[in-house]
Amino acid sequence: MDSNSSAYWSATLGLLTKILIVWFLVSFGAGILFAPVLNTIHLGGYPLGFWFAQQGSIYCFIALILYYAHAMNQLDRKFDVHEE
């Protein structure tokens, strides 16, 4: 593997690692681990921990998908592996 391929793979893995950490914090963290603390705050009449477990995590996942697509397009252009 040449250095450009290694750098591209390293950047891709770095991006995926960051996204997976956010995914874990939102799904497992906000929905389960931090739920008792978040439940002291209400959003739309519902405890915030419950809201994250039911609705908020879905919104965050969609935002992560959109961010991933945008960031990968930038990486592809940076390393000149984008499609025309």
PDB file of N, CA and C in Angstrom:
ATOM      1  N   MET A   1       0.843  -1.173   0.000  1.00  0.00           N
ATOM      2  CA  MET A   1       0.000   0.000   0.000  1.00  0.00           C
ATOM      3  C   MET A   1       0.891   1.239   0.000  1.00  0.00           C
ATOM      4  N   ASP A   2       0.614   2.192  -0.855  1.00  0.00           N
ATOM      5  CA  ASP A   2       1.432   3.400  -0.883  1.00  0.00           C
ATOM      6  C   ASP A   2       1.005   4.363   0.229  1.00  0.00           C
ATOM      7  N   SER A   3       1.771   5.422   0.410  1.00  0.00           N
ATOM      8  CA  SER A   3       1.525   6.337   1.529  1.00  0.00           C
ATOM      9  C   SER A   3       0.196   7.076   1.385  1.00  0.00           C
ATOM     10  N   ASN A   4      -0.222   7.379   0.151  1.00  0.00           N
ATOM     11  CA  ASN A   4      -1.497   8.061  -0.067  1.00  0.00           C
ATOM     12  C   ASN A   4      -2.660   7.166   0.341  1.00  0.00           C
ATOM     13  N   SER A   5      -2.574   5.891   0.003  1.00  0.00           N
ATOM     14  CA  SER A   5      -3.627   4.952   0.385  1.00  0.00           C
ATOM     15  C   SER A   5      -3.676   4.782   1.895  1.00  0.00           C
ATOM     16  N   SER A   6      -2.512   4.704   2.530  1.00  0.00           N
ATOM     17  CA  SER A   6      -2.456   4.572   3.987  1.00  0.00           C
ATOM     18  C   SER A   6      -3.033   5.802   4.670  1.00  0.00           C
ATOM     19  N   ALA A   7      -2.730   6.979   4.151  1.00  0.00           N
ATOM     20  CA  ALA A   7      -3.253   8.212   4.732  1.00  0.00           C
ATOM     21  C   ALA A   7      -4.765   8.296   4.563  1.00  0.00           C
ATOM     22  N   TYR A   8      -5.251   7.885   3.398  1.00  0.00           N
ATOM     23  CA  TYR A   8      -6.699   7.884   3.147  1.00  0.00           C
ATOM     24  C   TYR A   8      -7.397   6.914   4.095  1.00  0.00           C
ATOM     25  N   TRP A   9      -6.843   5.716   4.247  1.00  0.00           N
ATOM     26  CA  TRP A   9      -7.431   4.711   5.130  1.00  0.00           C
ATOM     27  C   TRP A   9      -7.401   5.189   6.579  1.00  0.00           C
ATOM     28  N   SER A  10      -6.321   5.821   6.986  1.00  0.00           N
ATOM     29  CA  SER A  10      -6.208   6.341   8.346  1.00  0.00           C
ATOM     30  C   SER A  10      -7.237   7.444   8.597  1.00  0.00           C
ATOM     31  N   ALA A  11      -7.422   8.331   7.634  1.00  0.00           N
ATOM     32  CA  ALA A  11      -8.412   9.407   7.770  1.00  0.00           C
ATOM     33  C   ALA A  11      -9.828   8.832   7.821  1.00  0.00           C
ATOM     34  N   THR A  12     -10.087   7.816   7.011  1.00  0.00           N
ATOM     35  CA  THR A  12     -11.402   7.175   7.006  1.00  0.00           C
ATOM     36  C   THR A  12     -11.681   6.499   8.348  1.00  0.00           C
ATOM     37  N   LEU A  13     -10.710   5.783   8.870  1.00  0.00           N
ATOM     38  CA  LEU A  13     -10.891   5.129  10.172  1.00  0.00           C
ATOM     39  C   LEU A  13     -11.052   6.150  11.298  1.00  0.00           C
ATOM     40  N   GLY A  14     -10.344   7.263  11.202  1.00  0.00           N
ATOM     41  CA  GLY A  14     -10.496   8.319  12.199  1.00  0.00           C
ATOM     42  C   GLY A  14     -11.903   8.894  12.201  1.00  0.00           C
ATOM     43  N   LEU A  15     -12.432   9.132  11.006  1.00  0.00           N
ATOM     44  CA  LEU A  15     -13.794   9.636  10.878  1.00  0.00           C
ATOM     45  C   LEU A  15     -14.800   8.634  11.435  1.00  0.00           C
ATOM     46  N   LEU A  16     -14.650   7.373  11.076  1.00  0.00           N
ATOM     47  CA  LEU A  16     -15.559   6.342  11.568  1.00  0.00           C
ATOM     48  C   LEU A  16     -15.494   6.200  13.082  1.00  0.00           C
ATOM     49  N   THR A  17     -14.308   6.308  13.641  1.00  0.00           N
ATOM     50  CA  THR A  17     -14.154   6.215  15.092  1.00  0.00           C
ATOM     51  C   THR A  17     -14.898   7.340  15.786  1.00  0.00           C
ATOM     52  N   LYS A  18     -14.759   8.557  15.288  1.00  0.00           N
ATOM     53  CA  LYS A  18     -15.451   9.697  15.879  1.00  0.00           C
ATOM     54  C   LYS A  18     -16.958   9.534  15.785  1.00  0.00           C
ATOM     55  N   ILE A  19     -17.437   9.090  14.639  1.00  0.00           N
ATOM     56  CA  ILE A  19     -18.878   8.918  14.450  1.00  0.00           C
ATOM     57  C   ILE A  19     -19.413   7.811  15.358  1.00  0.00           C
ATOM     58  N   LEU A  20     -18.675   6.718  15.500  1.00  0.00           N
ATOM     59  CA  LEU A  20     -19.120   5.635  16.370  1.00  0.00           C
ATOM     60  C   LEU A  20     -19.128   6.048  17.838  1.00  0.00           C
ATOM     61  N   ILE A  21     -18.196   6.897  18.244  1.00  0.00           N
ATOM     62  CA  ILE A  21     -18.205   7.391  19.622  1.00  0.00           C
ATOM     63  C   ILE A  21     -19.454   8.237  19.875  1.00  0.00           C
ATOM     64  N   VAL A  22     -19.768   9.135  18.941  1.00  0.00           N
ATOM     65  CA  VAL A  22     -20.977   9.949  19.087  1.00  0.00           C
ATOM     66  C   VAL A  22     -22.210   9.052  19.092  1.00  0.00           C
ATOM     67  N   TRP A  23     -22.238   8.057  18.205  1.00  0.00           N
ATOM     68  CA  TRP A  23     -23.361   7.128  18.131  1.00  0.00           C
ATOM     69  C   TRP A  23     -23.550   6.406  19.462  1.00  0.00           C
ATOM     70  N   PHE A  24     -22.460   5.934  20.065  1.00  0.00           N
ATOM     71  CA  PHE A  24     -22.531   5.250  21.343  1.00  0.00           C
ATOM     72  C   PHE A  24     -23.035   6.184  22.436  1.00  0.00           C
ATOM     73  N   LEU A  25     -22.493   7.404  22.489  1.00  0.00           N
ATOM     74  CA  LEU A  25     -22.898   8.345  23.529  1.00  0.00           C
ATOM     75  C   LEU A  25     -24.375   8.715  23.417  1.00  0.00           C
ATOM     76  N   VAL A  26     -24.860   8.850  22.194  1.00  0.00           N
ATOM     77  CA  VAL A  26     -26.265   9.222  22.011  1.00  0.00           C
ATOM     78  C   VAL A  26     -27.183   8.041  22.304  1.00  0.00           C
ATOM     79  N   SER A  27     -26.877   6.870  21.759  1.00  0.00           N
ATOM     80  CA  SER A  27     -27.792   5.742  21.925  1.00  0.00           C
ATOM     81  C   SER A  27     -27.697   5.119  23.312  1.00  0.00           C
ATOM     82  N   PHE A  28     -26.523   4.664  23.696  1.00  0.00           N
ATOM     83  CA  PHE A  28     -26.363   3.985  24.969  1.00  0.00           C
ATOM     84  C   PHE A  28     -26.228   4.987  26.113  1.00  0.00           C
ATOM     85  N   GLY A  29     -25.463   6.056  25.863  1.00  0.00           N
ATOM     86  CA  GLY A  29     -25.236   7.042  26.912  1.00  0.00           C
ATOM     87  C   GLY A  29     -26.487   7.811  27.289  1.00  0.00           C
ATOM     88  N   ALA A  30     -27.059   8.542  26.335  1.00  0.00           N
ATOM     89  CA  ALA A  30     -28.221   9.386  26.627  1.00  0.00           C
ATOM     90  C   ALA A  30     -29.471   8.564  26.899  1.00  0.00           C
ATOM     91  N   GLY A  31     -29.597   7.420  26.257  1.00  0.00           N
ATOM     92  CA  GLY A  31     -30.800   6.608  26.427  1.00  0.00           C
ATOM     93  C   GLY A  31     -30.785   5.728  27.655  1.00  0.00           C
ATOM     94  N   ILE A  32     -29.577   5.344  28.148  1.00  0.00           N
ATOM     95  CA  ILE A  32     -29.496   4.404  29.266  1.00  0.00           C
ATOM     96  C   ILE A  32     -28.628   4.942  30.405  1.00  0.00           C
ATOM     97  N   LEU A  33     -27.348   5.203  30.129  1.00  0.00           N
ATOM     98  CA  LEU A  33     -26.412   5.566  31.192  1.00  0.00           C
ATOM     99  C   LEU A  33     -26.738   6.897  31.862  1.00  0.00           C
ATOM    100  N   PHE A  34     -26.999   7.924  31.061  1.00  0.00           N
ATOM    101  CA  PHE A  34     -27.237   9.259  31.598  1.00  0.00           C
ATOM    102  C   PHE A  34     -28.726   9.589  31.717  1.00  0.00           C
ATOM    103  N   ALA A  35     -29.594   8.607  31.530  1.00  0.00           N
ATOM    104  CA  ALA A  35     -31.041   8.845  31.552  1.00  0.00           C
ATOM    105  C   ALA A  35     -31.526   9.423  32.881  1.00  0.00           C
ATOM    106  N   PRO A  36     -31.082   8.916  34.028  1.00  0.00           N
ATOM    107  CA  PRO A  36     -31.578   9.507  35.281  1.00  0.00           C
ATOM    108  C   PRO A  36     -31.249  10.997  35.413  1.00  0.00           C
ATOM    109  N   VAL A  37     -30.065  11.397  34.969  1.00  0.00           N
ATOM    110  CA  VAL A  37     -29.691  12.812  35.032  1.00  0.00           C
ATOM    111  C   VAL A  37     -30.489  13.608  34.006  1.00  0.00           C
ATOM    112  N   LEU A  38     -30.617  13.066  32.806  1.00  0.00           N
ATOM    113  CA  LEU A  38     -31.347  13.773  31.745  1.00  0.00           C
ATOM    114  C   LEU A  38     -32.843  13.855  32.029  1.00  0.00           C
ATOM    115  N   ASN A  39     -33.369  12.914  32.800  1.00  0.00           N
ATOM    116  CA  ASN A  39     -34.805  12.913  33.090  1.00  0.00           C
ATOM    117  C   ASN A  39     -35.228  14.059  33.998  1.00  0.00           C
ATOM    118  N   THR A  40     -34.271  14.775  34.566  1.00  0.00           N
ATOM    119  CA  THR A  40     -34.622  15.953  35.363  1.00  0.00           C
ATOM    120  C   THR A  40     -34.994  17.132  34.462  1.00  0.00           C
ATOM    121  N   ILE A  41     -34.658  17.043  33.189  1.00  0.00           N
ATOM    122  CA  ILE A  41     -34.988  18.072  32.196  1.00  0.00           C
ATOM    123  C   ILE A  41     -36.148  17.546  31.354  1.00  0.00           C
ATOM    124  N   HIS A  42     -37.115  18.388  31.079  1.00  0.00           N
ATOM    125  CA  HIS A  42     -38.270  17.973  30.270  1.00  0.00           C
ATOM    126  C   HIS A  42     -38.253  18.686  28.930  1.00  0.00           C
ATOM    127  N   LEU A  43     -38.595  17.952  27.889  1.00  0.00           N
ATOM    128  CA  LEU A  43     -38.673  18.486  26.531  1.00  0.00           C
ATOM    129  C   LEU A  43     -40.018  18.077  25.954  1.00  0.00           C
ATOM    130  N   GLY A  44     -40.867  19.048  25.702  1.00  0.00           N
ATOM    131  CA  GLY A  44     -42.195  18.757  25.168  1.00  0.00           C
ATOM    132  C   GLY A  44     -43.053  17.961  26.137  1.00  0.00           C
ATOM    133  N   GLY A  45     -42.810  18.132  27.431  1.00  0.00           N
ATOM    134  CA  GLY A  45     -43.601  17.431  28.433  1.00  0.00           C
ATOM    135  C   GLY A  45     -43.063  16.052  28.789  1.00  0.00           C
ATOM    136  N   TYR A  46     -41.994  15.618  28.139  1.00  0.00           N
ATOM    137  CA  TYR A  46     -41.412  14.297  28.409  1.00  0.00           C
ATOM    138  C   TYR A  46     -40.014  14.451  28.980  1.00  0.00           C
ATOM    139  N   PRO A  47     -39.602  13.532  29.850  1.00  0.00           N
ATOM    140  CA  PRO A  47     -38.227  13.582  30.359  1.00  0.00           C
ATOM    141  C   PRO A  47     -37.227  13.447  29.214  1.00  0.00           C
ATOM    142  N   LEU A  48     -36.134  14.197  29.289  1.00  0.00           N
ATOM    143  CA  LEU A  48     -35.164  14.236  28.195  1.00  0.00           C
ATOM    144  C   LEU A  48     -34.523  12.866  27.940  1.00  0.00           C
ATOM    145  N   GLY A  49     -34.261  12.086  28.980  1.00  0.00           N
ATOM    146  CA  GLY A  49     -33.698  10.744  28.792  1.00  0.00           C
ATOM    147  C   GLY A  49     -34.638   9.859  27.987  1.00  0.00           C
ATOM    148  N   PHE A  50     -35.929   9.919  28.309  1.00  0.00           N
ATOM    149  CA  PHE A  50     -36.928   9.157  27.555  1.00  0.00           C
ATOM    150  C   PHE A  50     -36.997   9.660  26.111  1.00  0.00           C
ATOM    151  N   TRP A  51     -36.967  10.989  25.932  1.00  0.00           N
ATOM    152  CA  TRP A  51     -37.042  11.553  24.593  1.00  0.00           C
ATOM    153  C   TRP A  51     -35.870  11.093  23.748  1.00  0.00           C
ATOM    154  N   PHE A  52     -34.646  11.096  24.326  1.00  0.00           N
ATOM    155  CA  PHE A  52     -33.481  10.633  23.581  1.00  0.00           C
ATOM    156  C   PHE A  52     -33.623   9.165  23.211  1.00  0.00           C
ATOM    157  N   ALA A  53     -34.130   8.354  24.119  1.00  0.00           N
ATOM    158  CA  ALA A  53     -34.273   6.926  23.839  1.00  0.00           C
ATOM    159  C   ALA A  53     -35.302   6.676  22.737  1.00  0.00           C
ATOM    160  N   GLN A  54     -36.322   7.523  22.643  1.00  0.00           N
ATOM    161  CA  GLN A  54     -37.400   7.283  21.689  1.00  0.00           C
ATOM    162  C   GLN A  54     -37.276   8.088  20.391  1.00  0.00           C
ATOM    163  N   GLN A  55     -36.905   9.343  20.483  1.00  0.00           N
ATOM    164  CA  GLN A  55     -36.904  10.217  19.309  1.00  0.00           C
ATOM    165  C   GLN A  55     -35.538  10.812  19.002  1.00  0.00           C
ATOM    166  N   GLY A  56     -34.889  11.334  20.013  1.00  0.00           N
ATOM    167  CA  GLY A  56     -33.656  12.084  19.825  1.00  0.00           C
ATOM    168  C   GLY A  56     -32.551  11.287  19.175  1.00  0.00           C
ATOM    169  N   SER A  57     -32.435  10.020  19.552  1.00  0.00           N
ATOM    170  CA  SER A  57     -31.371   9.205  18.968  1.00  0.00           C
ATOM    171  C   SER A  57     -31.586   9.018  17.467  1.00  0.00           C
ATOM    172  N   ILE A  58     -32.817   8.919  17.047  1.00  0.00           N
ATOM    173  CA  ILE A  58     -33.106   8.770  15.619  1.00  0.00           C
ATOM    174  C   ILE A  58     -32.675  10.029  14.861  1.00  0.00           C
ATOM    175  N   TYR A  59     -32.999  11.202  15.414  1.00  0.00           N
ATOM    176  CA  TYR A  59     -32.584  12.453  14.786  1.00  0.00           C
ATOM    177  C   TYR A  59     -31.068  12.566  14.727  1.00  0.00           C
ATOM    178  N   CYS A  60     -30.408  12.166  15.805  1.00  0.00           N
ATOM    179  CA  CYS A  60     -28.945  12.217  15.833  1.00  0.00           C
ATOM    180  C   CYS A  60     -28.350  11.245  14.819  1.00  0.00           C
ATOM    181  N   PHE A  61     -28.933  10.067  14.672  1.00  0.00           N
ATOM    182  CA  PHE A  61     -28.427   9.091  13.706  1.00  0.00           C
ATOM    183  C   PHE A  61     -28.561   9.614  12.284  1.00  0.00           C
ATOM    184  N   ILE A  62     -29.664  10.251  11.989  1.00  0.00           N
ATOM    185  CA  ILE A  62     -29.845  10.838  10.663  1.00  0.00           C
ATOM    186  C   ILE A  62     -28.813  11.942  10.427  1.00  0.00           C
ATOM    187  N   ALA A  63     -28.591  12.768  11.443  1.00  0.00           N
ATOM    188  CA  ALA A  63     -27.576  13.822  11.328  1.00  0.00           C
ATOM    189  C   ALA A  63     -26.186  13.217  11.134  1.00  0.00           C
ATOM    190  N   LEU A  64     -25.893  12.111  11.820  1.00  0.00           N
ATOM    191  CA  LEU A  64     -24.603  11.441  11.651  1.00  0.00           C
ATOM    192  C   LEU A  64     -24.440  10.889  10.234  1.00  0.00           C
ATOM    193  N   ILE A  65     -25.489  10.353   9.668  1.00  0.00           N
ATOM    194  CA  ILE A  65     -25.432   9.833   8.298  1.00  0.00           C
ATOM    195  C   ILE A  65     -25.126  10.966   7.315  1.00  0.00           C
ATOM    196  N   LEU A  66     -25.825  12.082   7.483  1.00  0.00           N
ATOM    197  CA  LEU A  66     -25.593  13.229   6.604  1.00  0.00           C
ATOM    198  C   LEU A  66     -24.183  13.777   6.785  1.00  0.00           C
ATOM    199  N   TYR A  67     -23.718  13.853   8.025  1.00  0.00           N
ATOM    200  CA  TYR A  67     -22.357  14.325   8.283  1.00  0.00           C
ATOM    201  C   TYR A  67     -21.334  13.375   7.674  1.00  0.00           C
ATOM    202  N   TYR A  68     -21.548  12.070   7.822  1.00  0.00           N
ATOM    203  CA  TYR A  68     -20.619  11.079   7.275  1.00  0.00           C
ATOM    204  C   TYR A  68     -20.513  11.212   5.752  1.00  0.00           C
ATOM    205  N   ALA A  69     -21.646  11.353   5.087  1.00  0.00           N
ATOM    206  CA  ALA A  69     -21.634  11.497   3.629  1.00  0.00           C
ATOM    207  C   ALA A  69     -20.870  12.752   3.212  1.00  0.00           C
ATOM    208  N   HIS A  70     -21.108  13.843   3.912  1.00  0.00           N
ATOM    209  CA  HIS A  70     -20.416  15.100   3.604  1.00  0.00           C
ATOM    210  C   HIS A  70     -18.915  14.976   3.872  1.00  0.00           C
ATOM    211  N   ALA A  71     -18.556  14.432   5.022  1.00  0.00           N
ATOM    212  CA  ALA A  71     -17.146  14.315   5.389  1.00  0.00           C
ATOM    213  C   ALA A  71     -16.402  13.352   4.462  1.00  0.00           C
ATOM    214  N   MET A  72     -17.041  12.253   4.063  1.00  0.00           N
ATOM    215  CA  MET A  72     -16.394  11.310   3.147  1.00  0.00           C
ATOM    216  C   MET A  72     -16.201  11.931   1.770  1.00  0.00           C
ATOM    217  N   ASN A  73     -17.153  12.735   1.324  1.00  0.00           N
ATOM    218  CA  ASN A  73     -16.982  13.444   0.051  1.00  0.00           C
ATOM    219  C   ASN A  73     -15.777  14.371   0.113  1.00  0.00           C
ATOM    220  N   GLN A  74     -15.605  15.060   1.254  1.00  0.00           N
ATOM    221  CA  GLN A  74     -14.442  15.934   1.411  1.00  0.00           C
ATOM    222  C   GLN A  74     -13.143  15.131   1.427  1.00  0.00           C
ATOM    223  N   LEU A  75     -13.147  13.998   2.141  1.00  0.00           N
ATOM    224  CA  LEU A  75     -11.957  13.143   2.163  1.00  0.00           C
ATOM    225  C   LEU A  75     -11.635  12.604   0.771  1.00  0.00           C
ATOM    226  N   ASP A  76     -12.660  12.178   0.050  1.00  0.00           N
ATOM    227  CA  ASP A  76     -12.445  11.663  -1.303  1.00  0.00           C
ATOM    228  C   ASP A  76     -11.814  12.720  -2.203  1.00  0.00           C
ATOM    229  N   ARG A  77     -12.284  13.953  -2.096  1.00  0.00           N
ATOM    230  CA  ARG A  77     -11.716  15.027  -2.901  1.00  0.00           C
ATOM    231  C   ARG A  77     -10.290  15.347  -2.450  1.00  0.00           C
ATOM    232  N   LYS A  78     -10.050  15.331  -1.143  1.00  0.00           N
ATOM    233  CA  LYS A  78      -8.722  15.634  -0.622  1.00  0.00           C
ATOM    234  C   LYS A  78      -7.690  14.626  -1.120  1.00  0.00           C
ATOM    235  N   PHE A  79      -8.068  13.349  -1.169  1.00  0.00           N
ATOM    236  CA  PHE A  79      -7.143  12.307  -1.596  1.00  0.00           C
ATOM    237  C   PHE A  79      -7.318  11.926  -3.061  1.00  0.00           C
ATOM    238  N   ASP A  80      -8.136  12.685  -3.775  1.00  0.00           N
ATOM    239  CA  ASP A  80      -8.358  12.507  -5.213  1.00  0.00           C
ATOM    240  C   ASP A  80      -8.822  11.094  -5.572  1.00  0.00           C
ATOM    241  N   VAL A  81      -9.811  10.613  -4.825  1.00  0.00           N
ATOM    242  CA  VAL A  81     -10.422   9.321  -5.132  1.00  0.00           C
ATOM    243  C   VAL A  81     -11.927   9.479  -5.369  1.00  0.00           C
ATOM    244  N   HIS A  82     -12.358  10.722  -5.590  1.00  0.00           N
ATOM    245  CA  HIS A  82     -13.773  10.985  -5.790  1.00  0.00           C
ATOM    246  C   HIS A  82     -14.214  10.557  -7.184  1.00  0.00           C
ATOM    247  N   GLU A  83     -15.536  10.327  -7.275  1.00  0.00           N
ATOM    248  CA  GLU A  83     -16.108   9.972  -8.574  1.00  0.00           C
ATOM    249  C   GLU A  83     -16.542  11.245  -9.276  1.00  0.00           C
ATOM    250  N   GLU A  84     -16.484  11.225 -10.556  1.00  0.00           N
ATOM    251  CA  GLU A  84     -16.839  12.407 -11.344  1.00  0.00           C
ATOM    252  C   GLU A  84     -18.316  12.432 -11.598  1.00  0.00           C
TER     253      GLU A  84
END
